[in-house]
């Protein structure tokens, strides 16, 4: 029973993550080795990592916000997140 509940929760999270990423546009794949990280406009503690042109939702560690200038998870007062 616990496995079934865990599976259902995982599917809900995956579907929710995909729904949010549907509105995020990653740049076209280039030969640059630099990672492309984009803020989540709906959640300050999340960001998208573009992998082969596809956005993958990532979560910052507890109580940190994504800092779009430094491209790292940072303290909220330094990240200065503004939701859209």
PDB file of N, CA and C in Angstrom:
ATOM      1  N   UNK A   1       0.821  -1.194   0.000  1.00  0.00           N
ATOM      2  CA  UNK A   1       0.000   0.000   0.000  1.00  0.00           C
ATOM      3  C   UNK A   1       0.869   1.264   0.000  1.00  0.00           C
ATOM      4  N   UNK A   2       1.960   1.238   0.801  1.00  0.00           N
ATOM      5  CA  UNK A   2       2.845   2.398   0.849  1.00  0.00           C
ATOM      6  C   UNK A   2       3.482   2.656  -0.512  1.00  0.00           C
ATOM      7  N   UNK A   3       3.804   1.577  -1.227  1.00  0.00           N
ATOM      8  CA  UNK A   3       4.410   1.734  -2.559  1.00  0.00           C
ATOM      9  C   UNK A   3       3.410   2.371  -3.518  1.00  0.00           C
ATOM     10  N   UNK A   4       2.163   1.972  -3.437  1.00  0.00           N
ATOM     11  CA  UNK A   4       1.128   2.545  -4.302  1.00  0.00           C
ATOM     12  C   UNK A   4       0.953   4.038  -4.031  1.00  0.00           C
ATOM     13  N   UNK A   5       0.889   4.399  -2.763  1.00  0.00           N
ATOM     14  CA  UNK A   5       0.727   5.813  -2.405  1.00  0.00           C
ATOM     15  C   UNK A   5       1.944   6.606  -2.857  1.00  0.00           C
ATOM     16  N   UNK A   6       3.141   6.070  -2.644  1.00  0.00           N
ATOM     17  CA  UNK A   6       4.363   6.749  -3.080  1.00  0.00           C
ATOM     18  C   UNK A   6       4.380   6.926  -4.591  1.00  0.00           C
ATOM     19  N   UNK A   7       3.934   5.911  -5.309  1.00  0.00           N
ATOM     20  CA  UNK A   7       3.897   5.984  -6.773  1.00  0.00           C
ATOM     21  C   UNK A   7       2.926   7.058  -7.246  1.00  0.00           C
ATOM     22  N   UNK A   8       1.780   7.126  -6.616  1.00  0.00           N
ATOM     23  CA  UNK A   8       0.777   8.132  -6.987  1.00  0.00           C
ATOM     24  C   UNK A   8       1.313   9.537  -6.727  1.00  0.00           C
ATOM     25  N   UNK A   9       1.947   9.730  -5.582  1.00  0.00           N
ATOM     26  CA  UNK A   9       2.523  11.041  -5.267  1.00  0.00           C
ATOM     27  C   UNK A   9       3.591  11.407  -6.289  1.00  0.00           C
ATOM     28  N   UNK A  10       4.444  10.462  -6.644  1.00  0.00           N
ATOM     29  CA  UNK A  10       5.491  10.716  -7.642  1.00  0.00           C
ATOM     30  C   UNK A  10       4.881  11.137  -8.976  1.00  0.00           C
ATOM     31  N   UNK A  11       3.841  10.457  -9.411  1.00  0.00           N
ATOM     32  CA  UNK A  11       3.193  10.785 -10.688  1.00  0.00           C
ATOM     33  C   UNK A  11       2.590  12.188 -10.635  1.00  0.00           C
ATOM     34  N   UNK A  12       1.966  12.535  -9.530  1.00  0.00           N
ATOM     35  CA  UNK A  12       1.374  13.877  -9.393  1.00  0.00           C
ATOM     36  C   UNK A  12       2.461  14.937  -9.461  1.00  0.00           C
ATOM     37  N   UNK A  13       3.569  14.722  -8.777  1.00  0.00           N
ATOM     38  CA  UNK A  13       4.668  15.686  -8.812  1.00  0.00           C
ATOM     39  C   UNK A  13       5.244  15.796 -10.221  1.00  0.00           C
ATOM     40  N   UNK A  14       5.415  14.676 -10.897  1.00  0.00           N
ATOM     41  CA  UNK A  14       5.961  14.687 -12.254  1.00  0.00           C
ATOM     42  C   UNK A  14       5.037  15.442 -13.208  1.00  0.00           C
ATOM     43  N   UNK A  15       3.743  15.205 -13.102  1.00  0.00           N
ATOM     44  CA  UNK A  15       2.779  15.894 -13.978  1.00  0.00           C
ATOM     45  C   UNK A  15       2.780  17.388 -13.681  1.00  0.00           C
ATOM     46  N   UNK A  16       2.813  17.754 -12.413  1.00  0.00           N
ATOM     47  CA  UNK A  16       2.836  19.170 -12.024  1.00  0.00           C
ATOM     48  C   UNK A  16       4.101  19.835 -12.536  1.00  0.00           C
ATOM     49  N   UNK A  17       5.232  19.171 -12.400  1.00  0.00           N
ATOM     50  CA  UNK A  17       6.500  19.726 -12.889  1.00  0.00           C
ATOM     51  C   UNK A  17       6.454  19.922 -14.391  1.00  0.00           C
ATOM     52  N   UNK A  18       5.910  18.958 -15.105  1.00  0.00           N
ATOM     53  CA  UNK A  18       5.817  19.079 -16.558  1.00  0.00           C
ATOM     54  C   UNK A  18       4.898  20.229 -16.941  1.00  0.00           C
ATOM     55  N   UNK A  19       3.795  20.391 -16.218  1.00  0.00           N
ATOM     56  CA  UNK A  19       2.854  21.470 -16.536  1.00  0.00           C
ATOM     57  C   UNK A  19       3.523  22.826 -16.384  1.00  0.00           C
ATOM     58  N   UNK A  20       4.326  23.001 -15.335  1.00  0.00           N
ATOM     59  CA  UNK A  20       5.028  24.267 -15.151  1.00  0.00           C
ATOM     60  C   UNK A  20       6.092  24.459 -16.233  1.00  0.00           C
ATOM     61  N   UNK A  21       6.795  23.391 -16.578  1.00  0.00           N
ATOM     62  CA  UNK A  21       7.876  23.531 -17.547  1.00  0.00           C
ATOM     63  C   UNK A  21       7.360  23.748 -18.962  1.00  0.00           C
ATOM     64  N   UNK A  22       6.083  23.473 -19.202  1.00  0.00           N
ATOM     65  CA  UNK A  22       5.516  23.651 -20.536  1.00  0.00           C
ATOM     66  C   UNK A  22       5.587  25.109 -20.979  1.00  0.00           C
ATOM     67  N   UNK A  23       5.593  26.056 -20.033  1.00  0.00           N
ATOM     68  CA  UNK A  23       5.641  27.468 -20.370  1.00  0.00           C
ATOM     69  C   UNK A  23       7.060  28.018 -20.405  1.00  0.00           C
ATOM     70  N   UNK A  24       8.038  27.221 -20.047  1.00  0.00           N
ATOM     71  CA  UNK A  24       9.435  27.657 -20.030  1.00  0.00           C
ATOM     72  C   UNK A  24      10.088  27.268 -21.346  1.00  0.00           C
ATOM     73  N   UNK A  25      10.728  28.224 -21.962  1.00  0.00           N
ATOM     74  CA  UNK A  25      11.402  27.984 -23.237  1.00  0.00           C
ATOM     75  C   UNK A  25      12.905  28.019 -23.035  1.00  0.00           C
ATOM     76  N   UNK A  26      13.543  26.901 -23.294  1.00  0.00           N
ATOM     77  CA  UNK A  26      14.999  26.845 -23.236  1.00  0.00           C
ATOM     78  C   UNK A  26      15.559  27.317 -24.573  1.00  0.00           C
ATOM     79  N   UNK A  27      16.746  27.902 -24.548  1.00  0.00           N
ATOM     80  CA  UNK A  27      17.365  28.302 -25.810  1.00  0.00           C
ATOM     81  C   UNK A  27      17.725  27.070 -26.636  1.00  0.00           C
ATOM     82  N   UNK A  28      17.899  27.288 -27.914  1.00  0.00           N
ATOM     83  CA  UNK A  28      18.295  26.183 -28.783  1.00  0.00           C
ATOM     84  C   UNK A  28      19.621  25.610 -28.303  1.00  0.00           C
ATOM     85  N   UNK A  29      19.783  24.328 -28.513  1.00  0.00           N
ATOM     86  CA  UNK A  29      21.008  23.652 -28.083  1.00  0.00           C
ATOM     87  C   UNK A  29      22.182  24.191 -28.886  1.00  0.00           C
ATOM     88  N   UNK A  30      23.233  24.545 -28.165  1.00  0.00           N
ATOM     89  CA  UNK A  30      24.447  25.029 -28.827  1.00  0.00           C
ATOM     90  C   UNK A  30      25.611  24.160 -28.387  1.00  0.00           C
ATOM     91  N   UNK A  31      26.749  24.413 -28.956  1.00  0.00           N
ATOM     92  CA  UNK A  31      27.930  23.639 -28.598  1.00  0.00           C
ATOM     93  C   UNK A  31      28.625  24.196 -27.367  1.00  0.00           C
ATOM     94  N   UNK A  32      28.074  25.238 -26.787  1.00  0.00           N
ATOM     95  CA  UNK A  32      28.636  25.824 -25.576  1.00  0.00           C
ATOM     96  C   UNK A  32      28.516  24.826 -24.426  1.00  0.00           C
ATOM     97  N   UNK A  33      29.524  24.789 -23.591  1.00  0.00           N
ATOM     98  CA  UNK A  33      29.487  23.862 -22.453  1.00  0.00           C
ATOM     99  C   UNK A  33      28.829  24.494 -21.234  1.00  0.00           C
ATOM    100  N   UNK A  34      28.390  25.739 -21.339  1.00  0.00           N
ATOM    101  CA  UNK A  34      27.771  26.420 -20.214  1.00  0.00           C
ATOM    102  C   UNK A  34      26.349  25.916 -19.984  1.00  0.00           C
ATOM    103  N   UNK A  35      26.031  25.676 -18.720  1.00  0.00           N
ATOM    104  CA  UNK A  35      24.674  25.266 -18.363  1.00  0.00           C
ATOM    105  C   UNK A  35      23.742  26.461 -18.482  1.00  0.00           C
ATOM    106  N   UNK A  36      22.515  26.202 -18.888  1.00  0.00           N
ATOM    107  CA  UNK A  36      21.504  27.246 -18.950  1.00  0.00           C
ATOM    108  C   UNK A  36      20.536  27.002 -17.800  1.00  0.00           C
ATOM    109  N   UNK A  37      20.469  27.965 -16.878  1.00  0.00           N
ATOM    110  CA  UNK A  37      19.581  27.892 -15.730  1.00  0.00           C
ATOM    111  C   UNK A  37      18.628  29.073 -15.792  1.00  0.00           C
ATOM    112  N   UNK A  38      17.353  28.807 -15.614  1.00  0.00           N
ATOM    113  CA  UNK A  38      16.324  29.838 -15.702  1.00  0.00           C
ATOM    114  C   UNK A  38      15.476  29.830 -14.437  1.00  0.00           C
ATOM    115  N   UNK A  39      15.097  30.994 -13.914  1.00  0.00           N
ATOM    116  CA  UNK A  39      14.250  31.023 -12.719  1.00  0.00           C
ATOM    117  C   UNK A  39      12.844  30.531 -13.020  1.00  0.00           C
ATOM    118  N   UNK A  40      12.201  29.953 -12.018  1.00  0.00           N
ATOM    119  CA  UNK A  40      10.796  29.596 -12.132  1.00  0.00           C
ATOM    120  C   UNK A  40       9.999  30.846 -11.776  1.00  0.00           C
ATOM    121  N   UNK A  41       9.221  31.383 -12.694  1.00  0.00           N
ATOM    122  CA  UNK A  41       8.496  32.632 -12.417  1.00  0.00           C
ATOM    123  C   UNK A  41       7.395  32.486 -11.367  1.00  0.00           C
ATOM    124  N   UNK A  42       7.074  31.255 -10.978  1.00  0.00           N
ATOM    125  CA  UNK A  42       5.994  31.028 -10.026  1.00  0.00           C
ATOM    126  C   UNK A  42       6.462  30.564  -8.653  1.00  0.00           C
ATOM    127  N   UNK A  43       7.777  30.298  -8.498  1.00  0.00           N
ATOM    128  CA  UNK A  43       8.284  29.791  -7.218  1.00  0.00           C
ATOM    129  C   UNK A  43       9.748  30.186  -7.077  1.00  0.00           C
ATOM    130  N   UNK A  44      10.053  30.997  -6.078  1.00  0.00           N
ATOM    131  CA  UNK A  44      11.415  31.506  -5.904  1.00  0.00           C
ATOM    132  C   UNK A  44      12.432  30.432  -5.556  1.00  0.00           C
ATOM    133  N   UNK A  45      12.002  29.336  -4.964  1.00  0.00           N
ATOM    134  CA  UNK A  45      12.944  28.297  -4.554  1.00  0.00           C
ATOM    135  C   UNK A  45      13.170  27.251  -5.635  1.00  0.00           C
ATOM    136  N   UNK A  46      12.637  27.482  -6.833  1.00  0.00           N
ATOM    137  CA  UNK A  46      12.818  26.543  -7.934  1.00  0.00           C
ATOM    138  C   UNK A  46      13.450  27.238  -9.133  1.00  0.00           C
ATOM    139  N   UNK A  47      14.083  26.426  -9.967  1.00  0.00           N
ATOM    140  CA  UNK A  47      14.662  26.924 -11.215  1.00  0.00           C
ATOM    141  C   UNK A  47      14.644  25.798 -12.232  1.00  0.00           C
ATOM    142  N   UNK A  48      14.893  26.134 -13.473  1.00  0.00           N
ATOM    143  CA  UNK A  48      14.933  25.153 -14.555  1.00  0.00           C
ATOM    144  C   UNK A  48      16.361  25.014 -15.065  1.00  0.00           C
ATOM    145  N   UNK A  49      16.767  23.788 -15.244  1.00  0.00           N
ATOM    146  CA  UNK A  49      18.056  23.477 -15.866  1.00  0.00           C
ATOM    147  C   UNK A  49      17.736  22.978 -17.266  1.00  0.00           C
ATOM    148  N   UNK A  50      18.203  23.686 -18.266  1.00  0.00           N
ATOM    149  CA  UNK A  50      17.944  23.284 -19.642  1.00  0.00           C
ATOM    150  C   UNK A  50      18.923  22.189 -20.041  1.00  0.00           C
ATOM    151  N   UNK A  51      18.388  21.052 -20.436  1.00  0.00           N
ATOM    152  CA  UNK A  51      19.196  19.903 -20.844  1.00  0.00           C
ATOM    153  C   UNK A  51      18.736  19.490 -22.232  1.00  0.00           C
ATOM    154  N   UNK A  52      19.616  19.661 -23.202  1.00  0.00           N
ATOM    155  CA  UNK A  52      19.296  19.341 -24.598  1.00  0.00           C
ATOM    156  C   UNK A  52      18.039  20.078 -25.050  1.00  0.00           C
ATOM    157  N   UNK A  53      17.885  21.321 -24.595  1.00  0.00           N
ATOM    158  CA  UNK A  53      16.756  22.150 -24.996  1.00  0.00           C
ATOM    159  C   UNK A  53      15.485  21.911 -24.210  1.00  0.00           C
ATOM    160  N   UNK A  54      15.500  20.984 -23.254  1.00  0.00           N
ATOM    161  CA  UNK A  54      14.308  20.675 -22.454  1.00  0.00           C
ATOM    162  C   UNK A  54      14.486  21.193 -21.028  1.00  0.00           C
ATOM    163  N   UNK A  55      13.473  21.901 -20.493  1.00  0.00           N
ATOM    164  CA  UNK A  55      13.578  22.409 -19.119  1.00  0.00           C
ATOM    165  C   UNK A  55      13.314  21.305 -18.097  1.00  0.00           C
ATOM    166  N   UNK A  56      14.203  21.199 -17.120  1.00  0.00           N
ATOM    167  CA  UNK A  56      14.047  20.243 -16.024  1.00  0.00           C
ATOM    168  C   UNK A  56      13.938  21.042 -14.734  1.00  0.00           C
ATOM    169  N   UNK A  57      12.831  20.869 -14.031  1.00  0.00           N
ATOM    170  CA  UNK A  57      12.577  21.620 -12.805  1.00  0.00           C
ATOM    171  C   UNK A  57      13.473  21.108 -11.684  1.00  0.00           C
ATOM    172  N   UNK A  58      14.152  22.032 -11.003  1.00  0.00           N
ATOM    173  CA  UNK A  58      15.035  21.711  -9.879  1.00  0.00           C
ATOM    174  C   UNK A  58      14.598  22.528  -8.678  1.00  0.00           C
ATOM    175  N   UNK A  59      14.940  22.054  -7.492  1.00  0.00           N
ATOM    176  CA  UNK A  59      14.560  22.711  -6.241  1.00  0.00           C
ATOM    177  C   UNK A  59      15.819  23.130  -5.492  1.00  0.00           C
ATOM    178  N   UNK A  60      15.822  24.359  -4.994  1.00  0.00           N
ATOM    179  CA  UNK A  60      16.929  24.801  -4.139  1.00  0.00           C
ATOM    180  C   UNK A  60      16.802  24.136  -2.773  1.00  0.00           C
ATOM    181  N   UNK A  61      17.919  23.993  -2.051  1.00  0.00           N
ATOM    182  CA  UNK A  61      17.844  23.460  -0.695  1.00  0.00           C
ATOM    183  C   UNK A  61      16.969  24.334   0.197  1.00  0.00           C
ATOM    184  N   UNK A  62      16.570  23.776   1.296  1.00  0.00           N
ATOM    185  CA  UNK A  62      15.635  24.384   2.254  1.00  0.00           C
ATOM    186  C   UNK A  62      15.893  25.870   2.492  1.00  0.00           C
ATOM    187  N   UNK A  63      14.871  26.664   2.263  1.00  0.00           N
ATOM    188  CA  UNK A  63      14.826  28.109   2.531  1.00  0.00           C
ATOM    189  C   UNK A  63      15.733  28.963   1.643  1.00  0.00           C
ATOM    190  N   UNK A  64      16.308  28.394   0.593  1.00  0.00           N
ATOM    191  CA  UNK A  64      17.108  29.192  -0.330  1.00  0.00           C
ATOM    192  C   UNK A  64      16.283  29.521  -1.563  1.00  0.00           C
ATOM    193  N   UNK A  65      16.628  30.606  -2.222  1.00  0.00           N
ATOM    194  CA  UNK A  65      15.977  31.038  -3.462  1.00  0.00           C
ATOM    195  C   UNK A  65      16.987  31.009  -4.597  1.00  0.00           C
ATOM    196  N   UNK A  66      16.477  30.851  -5.808  1.00  0.00           N
ATOM    197  CA  UNK A  66      17.358  30.873  -6.975  1.00  0.00           C
ATOM    198  C   UNK A  66      17.748  32.316  -7.275  1.00  0.00           C
ATOM    199  N   UNK A  67      19.037  32.546  -7.440  1.00  0.00           N
ATOM    200  CA  UNK A  67      19.567  33.868  -7.764  1.00  0.00           C
ATOM    201  C   UNK A  67      19.885  33.885  -9.261  1.00  0.00           C
ATOM    202  N   UNK A  68      19.059  34.558 -10.082  1.00  0.00           N
ATOM    203  CA  UNK A  68      19.262  34.535 -11.529  1.00  0.00           C
ATOM    204  C   UNK A  68      20.507  35.277 -12.004  1.00  0.00           C
ATOM    205  N   UNK A  69      21.037  36.177 -11.173  1.00  0.00           N
ATOM    206  CA  UNK A  69      22.252  36.892 -11.571  1.00  0.00           C
ATOM    207  C   UNK A  69      23.488  36.020 -11.396  1.00  0.00           C
ATOM    208  N   UNK A  70      23.530  35.271 -10.294  1.00  0.00           N
ATOM    209  CA  UNK A  70      24.684  34.421 -10.009  1.00  0.00           C
ATOM    210  C   UNK A  70      24.484  32.975 -10.472  1.00  0.00           C
ATOM    211  N   UNK A  71      23.226  32.633 -10.822  1.00  0.00           N
ATOM    212  CA  UNK A  71      22.860  31.281 -11.262  1.00  0.00           C
ATOM    213  C   UNK A  71      23.161  30.227 -10.204  1.00  0.00           C
ATOM    214  N   UNK A  72      22.808  30.558  -8.950  1.00  0.00           N
ATOM    215  CA  UNK A  72      22.981  29.644  -7.821  1.00  0.00           C
ATOM    216  C   UNK A  72      21.797  29.796  -6.868  1.00  0.00           C
ATOM    217  N   UNK A  73      21.643  28.823  -5.978  1.00  0.00           N
ATOM    218  CA  UNK A  73      20.693  28.971  -4.888  1.00  0.00           C
ATOM    219  C   UNK A  73      21.365  29.838  -3.833  1.00  0.00           C
ATOM    220  N   UNK A  74      20.619  30.796  -3.321  1.00  0.00           N
ATOM    221  CA  UNK A  74      21.212  31.826  -2.475  1.00  0.00           C
ATOM    222  C   UNK A  74      20.231  32.194  -1.365  1.00  0.00           C
ATOM    223  N   UNK A  75      20.705  32.990  -0.408  1.00  0.00           N
ATOM    224  CA  UNK A  75      19.822  33.483   0.637  1.00  0.00           C
ATOM    225  C   UNK A  75      18.788  34.419   0.010  1.00  0.00           C
ATOM    226  N   UNK A  76      17.536  34.372   0.485  1.00  0.00           N
ATOM    227  CA  UNK A  76      16.475  35.189  -0.118  1.00  0.00           C
ATOM    228  C   UNK A  76      16.808  36.672  -0.235  1.00  0.00           C
ATOM    229  N   UNK A  77      17.465  37.244   0.772  1.00  0.00           N
ATOM    230  CA  UNK A  77      17.768  38.680   0.709  1.00  0.00           C
ATOM    231  C   UNK A  77      18.794  38.993  -0.382  1.00  0.00           C
ATOM    232  N   UNK A  78      19.595  38.022  -0.775  1.00  0.00           N
ATOM    233  CA  UNK A  78      20.565  38.226  -1.856  1.00  0.00           C
ATOM    234  C   UNK A  78      19.968  37.891  -3.219  1.00  0.00           C
ATOM    235  N   UNK A  79      19.077  36.893  -3.262  1.00  0.00           N
ATOM    236  CA  UNK A  79      18.481  36.483  -4.542  1.00  0.00           C
ATOM    237  C   UNK A  79      17.492  37.529  -5.056  1.00  0.00           C
ATOM    238  N   UNK A  80      16.814  38.214  -4.140  1.00  0.00           N
ATOM    239  CA  UNK A  80      15.853  39.262  -4.491  1.00  0.00           C
ATOM    240  C   UNK A  80      14.834  38.794  -5.529  1.00  0.00           C
ATOM    241  N   UNK A  81      14.234  37.672  -5.249  1.00  0.00           N
ATOM    242  CA  UNK A  81      13.248  37.078  -6.165  1.00  0.00           C
ATOM    243  C   UNK A  81      11.997  37.936  -6.252  1.00  0.00           C
ATOM    244  N   UNK A  82      11.513  38.105  -7.463  1.00  0.00           N
ATOM    245  CA  UNK A  82      10.247  38.789  -7.705  1.00  0.00           C
ATOM    246  C   UNK A  82       9.408  37.875  -8.584  1.00  0.00           C
ATOM    247  N   UNK A  83       8.302  37.402  -8.039  1.00  0.00           N
ATOM    248  CA  UNK A  83       7.428  36.501  -8.793  1.00  0.00           C
ATOM    249  C   UNK A  83       6.644  37.285  -9.835  1.00  0.00           C
ATOM    250  N   UNK A  84       6.381  36.620 -10.943  1.00  0.00           N
ATOM    251  CA  UNK A  84       5.623  37.260 -12.028  1.00  0.00           C
ATOM    252  C   UNK A  84       4.163  36.966 -11.901  1.00  0.00           C
TER     253      UNK A  84
END
